[in-house]
Amino acid sequence: MHMVRLGVQGVELLETGRITLPVPEPWLGWLRDLRQGKKTREEALEAAESLERRLGELVRAYLRAWKMP
């Protein structure tokens, strides 16, 4: 659950410059379901992989904007 939460918060931070606490819906409900076993391991890993890809895109955009190699 924490792996996905950190991905959600990382994406929010890079997209908006802030982190909302508690995590807003729809992610809040999704994370609660995951913690309660209502989501599968595969669903958690898919969400984490998707968020990791998005984080990579956002970091690359950040670096391009600041012209860093």
N, C-alpha and C. Protein backbone atom coordinates (compact mmCIF):
# COMPACT_ATOMS: atom_id res chain seq x y z
N MET A 1 0.83 -1.19 0.00
CA MET A 1 0.00 0.00 0.00
C MET A 1 0.87 1.25 0.00
N HIS A 2 1.93 1.21 0.79
CA HIS A 2 2.78 2.40 0.87
C HIS A 2 3.53 2.65 -0.43
N MET A 3 3.89 1.60 -1.14
CA MET A 3 4.57 1.75 -2.43
C MET A 3 3.67 2.53 -3.39
N VAL A 4 2.41 2.17 -3.47
CA VAL A 4 1.48 2.85 -4.37
C VAL A 4 1.22 4.27 -3.86
N ARG A 5 1.03 4.43 -2.55
CA ARG A 5 0.79 5.77 -1.99
C ARG A 5 1.93 6.72 -2.32
N LEU A 6 3.16 6.25 -2.17
CA LEU A 6 4.30 7.11 -2.48
C LEU A 6 4.34 7.48 -3.95
N GLY A 7 3.95 6.55 -4.81
CA GLY A 7 3.87 6.87 -6.23
C GLY A 7 2.82 7.93 -6.51
N VAL A 8 1.66 7.77 -5.90
CA VAL A 8 0.58 8.76 -6.06
C VAL A 8 1.04 10.13 -5.59
N GLN A 9 1.67 10.17 -4.43
CA GLN A 9 2.11 11.46 -3.88
C GLN A 9 3.26 12.04 -4.70
N GLY A 10 4.13 11.21 -5.23
CA GLY A 10 5.22 11.71 -6.07
C GLY A 10 4.70 12.34 -7.35
N VAL A 11 3.73 11.68 -7.97
CA VAL A 11 3.12 12.23 -9.18
C VAL A 11 2.44 13.56 -8.86
N GLU A 12 1.69 13.60 -7.78
CA GLU A 12 1.01 14.85 -7.42
C GLU A 12 2.02 15.96 -7.18
N LEU A 13 3.10 15.66 -6.48
CA LEU A 13 4.11 16.68 -6.19
C LEU A 13 4.73 17.22 -7.47
N LEU A 14 5.07 16.34 -8.40
CA LEU A 14 5.70 16.82 -9.63
C LEU A 14 4.71 17.50 -10.56
N GLU A 15 3.44 17.14 -10.48
CA GLU A 15 2.43 17.78 -11.34
C GLU A 15 1.92 19.10 -10.78
N THR A 16 1.85 19.21 -9.45
CA THR A 16 1.22 20.39 -8.86
C THR A 16 2.13 21.20 -7.95
N GLY A 17 3.25 20.60 -7.51
CA GLY A 17 4.13 21.28 -6.58
C GLY A 17 3.68 21.17 -5.14
N ARG A 18 2.69 20.31 -4.88
CA ARG A 18 2.21 20.14 -3.51
C ARG A 18 1.77 18.70 -3.31
N ILE A 19 1.57 18.33 -2.05
CA ILE A 19 1.04 17.02 -1.70
C ILE A 19 -0.17 17.24 -0.81
N THR A 20 -1.29 16.67 -1.19
CA THR A 20 -2.53 16.79 -0.43
C THR A 20 -2.60 15.66 0.60
N LEU A 21 -2.87 16.03 1.86
CA LEU A 21 -3.04 15.03 2.91
C LEU A 21 -4.40 15.23 3.56
N PRO A 22 -5.15 14.19 3.77
CA PRO A 22 -4.87 12.83 3.33
C PRO A 22 -4.96 12.72 1.81
N VAL A 23 -4.49 11.62 1.28
CA VAL A 23 -4.54 11.37 -0.17
C VAL A 23 -6.00 11.54 -0.61
N PRO A 24 -6.24 12.31 -1.67
CA PRO A 24 -7.63 12.52 -2.11
C PRO A 24 -8.20 11.31 -2.86
N GLU A 25 -9.50 11.29 -2.95
CA GLU A 25 -10.18 10.28 -3.77
C GLU A 25 -9.85 10.55 -5.23
N PRO A 26 -9.84 9.59 -6.10
CA PRO A 26 -10.26 8.21 -5.86
C PRO A 26 -9.16 7.33 -5.26
N TRP A 27 -7.96 7.86 -5.14
CA TRP A 27 -6.85 7.04 -4.64
C TRP A 27 -7.03 6.63 -3.19
N LEU A 28 -7.63 7.47 -2.38
CA LEU A 28 -7.80 7.12 -0.97
C LEU A 28 -8.58 5.82 -0.82
N GLY A 29 -9.69 5.72 -1.50
CA GLY A 29 -10.50 4.51 -1.45
C GLY A 29 -9.76 3.31 -2.02
N TRP A 30 -9.02 3.53 -3.11
CA TRP A 30 -8.25 2.46 -3.74
C TRP A 30 -7.20 1.93 -2.78
N LEU A 31 -6.50 2.83 -2.12
CA LEU A 31 -5.46 2.43 -1.17
C LEU A 31 -6.06 1.71 0.04
N ARG A 32 -7.20 2.16 0.51
CA ARG A 32 -7.87 1.47 1.62
C ARG A 32 -8.27 0.06 1.22
N ASP A 33 -8.81 -0.07 0.00
CA ASP A 33 -9.18 -1.40 -0.49
C ASP A 33 -7.95 -2.30 -0.58
N LEU A 34 -6.85 -1.76 -1.03
CA LEU A 34 -5.61 -2.54 -1.12
C LEU A 34 -5.18 -2.99 0.28
N ARG A 35 -5.18 -2.10 1.22
CA ARG A 35 -4.77 -2.42 2.59
C ARG A 35 -5.69 -3.48 3.21
N GLN A 36 -6.95 -3.46 2.84
CA GLN A 36 -7.91 -4.42 3.39
C GLN A 36 -7.97 -5.74 2.61
N GLY A 37 -7.10 -5.87 1.60
CA GLY A 37 -7.05 -7.11 0.84
C GLY A 37 -8.09 -7.21 -0.27
N LYS A 38 -8.75 -6.10 -0.60
CA LYS A 38 -9.76 -6.11 -1.65
C LYS A 38 -9.16 -5.92 -3.04
N LYS A 39 -7.88 -5.64 -3.09
CA LYS A 39 -7.13 -5.54 -4.35
C LYS A 39 -6.08 -6.65 -4.32
N THR A 40 -5.75 -7.14 -5.50
CA THR A 40 -4.76 -8.21 -5.58
C THR A 40 -3.35 -7.65 -5.62
N ARG A 41 -2.40 -8.53 -5.39
CA ARG A 41 -0.98 -8.16 -5.51
C ARG A 41 -0.70 -7.66 -6.92
N GLU A 42 -1.29 -8.33 -7.90
CA GLU A 42 -1.08 -7.94 -9.29
C GLU A 42 -1.62 -6.53 -9.56
N GLU A 43 -2.77 -6.21 -9.00
CA GLU A 43 -3.33 -4.86 -9.16
C GLU A 43 -2.42 -3.82 -8.52
N ALA A 44 -1.87 -4.15 -7.37
CA ALA A 44 -0.95 -3.22 -6.69
C ALA A 44 0.30 -3.01 -7.52
N LEU A 45 0.85 -4.09 -8.06
CA LEU A 45 2.07 -3.96 -8.86
C LEU A 45 1.80 -3.21 -10.17
N GLU A 46 0.65 -3.45 -10.78
CA GLU A 46 0.29 -2.71 -12.00
C GLU A 46 0.17 -1.22 -11.71
N ALA A 47 -0.47 -0.87 -10.61
CA ALA A 47 -0.62 0.54 -10.24
C ALA A 47 0.76 1.15 -9.97
N ALA A 48 1.60 0.43 -9.25
CA ALA A 48 2.95 0.93 -8.94
C ALA A 48 3.76 1.13 -10.21
N GLU A 49 3.68 0.18 -11.14
CA GLU A 49 4.42 0.29 -12.40
C GLU A 49 3.94 1.48 -13.22
N SER A 50 2.63 1.67 -13.26
CA SER A 50 2.07 2.80 -14.00
C SER A 50 2.52 4.13 -13.38
N LEU A 51 2.48 4.21 -12.07
CA LEU A 51 2.91 5.43 -11.38
C LEU A 51 4.41 5.66 -11.57
N GLU A 52 5.19 4.58 -11.57
CA GLU A 52 6.63 4.72 -11.78
C GLU A 52 6.92 5.25 -13.19
N ARG A 53 6.19 4.75 -14.18
CA ARG A 53 6.35 5.28 -15.55
C ARG A 53 6.02 6.77 -15.59
N ARG A 54 4.91 7.14 -14.96
CA ARG A 54 4.50 8.55 -14.94
C ARG A 54 5.53 9.42 -14.23
N LEU A 55 6.06 8.92 -13.12
CA LEU A 55 7.11 9.66 -12.41
C LEU A 55 8.33 9.86 -13.30
N GLY A 56 8.71 8.83 -14.04
CA GLY A 56 9.84 8.96 -14.96
C GLY A 56 9.60 10.03 -16.01
N GLU A 57 8.39 10.05 -16.57
CA GLU A 57 8.03 11.07 -17.57
C GLU A 57 8.14 12.46 -16.96
N LEU A 58 7.60 12.61 -15.76
CA LEU A 58 7.60 13.92 -15.11
C LEU A 58 9.01 14.37 -14.74
N VAL A 59 9.84 13.47 -14.29
CA VAL A 59 11.22 13.83 -13.96
C VAL A 59 11.96 14.24 -15.23
N ARG A 60 11.77 13.50 -16.31
CA ARG A 60 12.43 13.88 -17.58
C ARG A 60 11.97 15.25 -18.04
N ALA A 61 10.68 15.53 -17.91
CA ALA A 61 10.16 16.85 -18.29
C ALA A 61 10.78 17.94 -17.42
N TYR A 62 10.89 17.66 -16.13
CA TYR A 62 11.50 18.62 -15.20
C TYR A 62 12.95 18.90 -15.61
N LEU A 63 13.69 17.85 -15.90
CA LEU A 63 15.08 18.04 -16.29
C LEU A 63 15.21 18.80 -17.61
N ARG A 64 14.32 18.50 -18.56
CA ARG A 64 14.34 19.23 -19.84
C ARG A 64 14.03 20.71 -19.61
N ALA A 65 13.06 20.97 -18.75
CA ALA A 65 12.66 22.37 -18.48
C ALA A 65 13.82 23.16 -17.90
N TRP A 66 14.66 22.50 -17.10
CA TRP A 66 15.79 23.16 -16.48
C TRP A 66 17.09 22.92 -17.25
N LYS A 67 16.94 22.26 -18.42
CA LYS A 67 18.07 22.00 -19.33
C LYS A 67 19.22 21.27 -18.62
N MET A 68 18.85 20.26 -17.86
CA MET A 68 19.86 19.45 -17.19
C MET A 68 20.09 18.20 -18.04
N PRO A 69 21.33 17.73 -18.12
CA PRO A 69 21.60 16.55 -18.96
C PRO A 69 20.92 15.30 -18.46
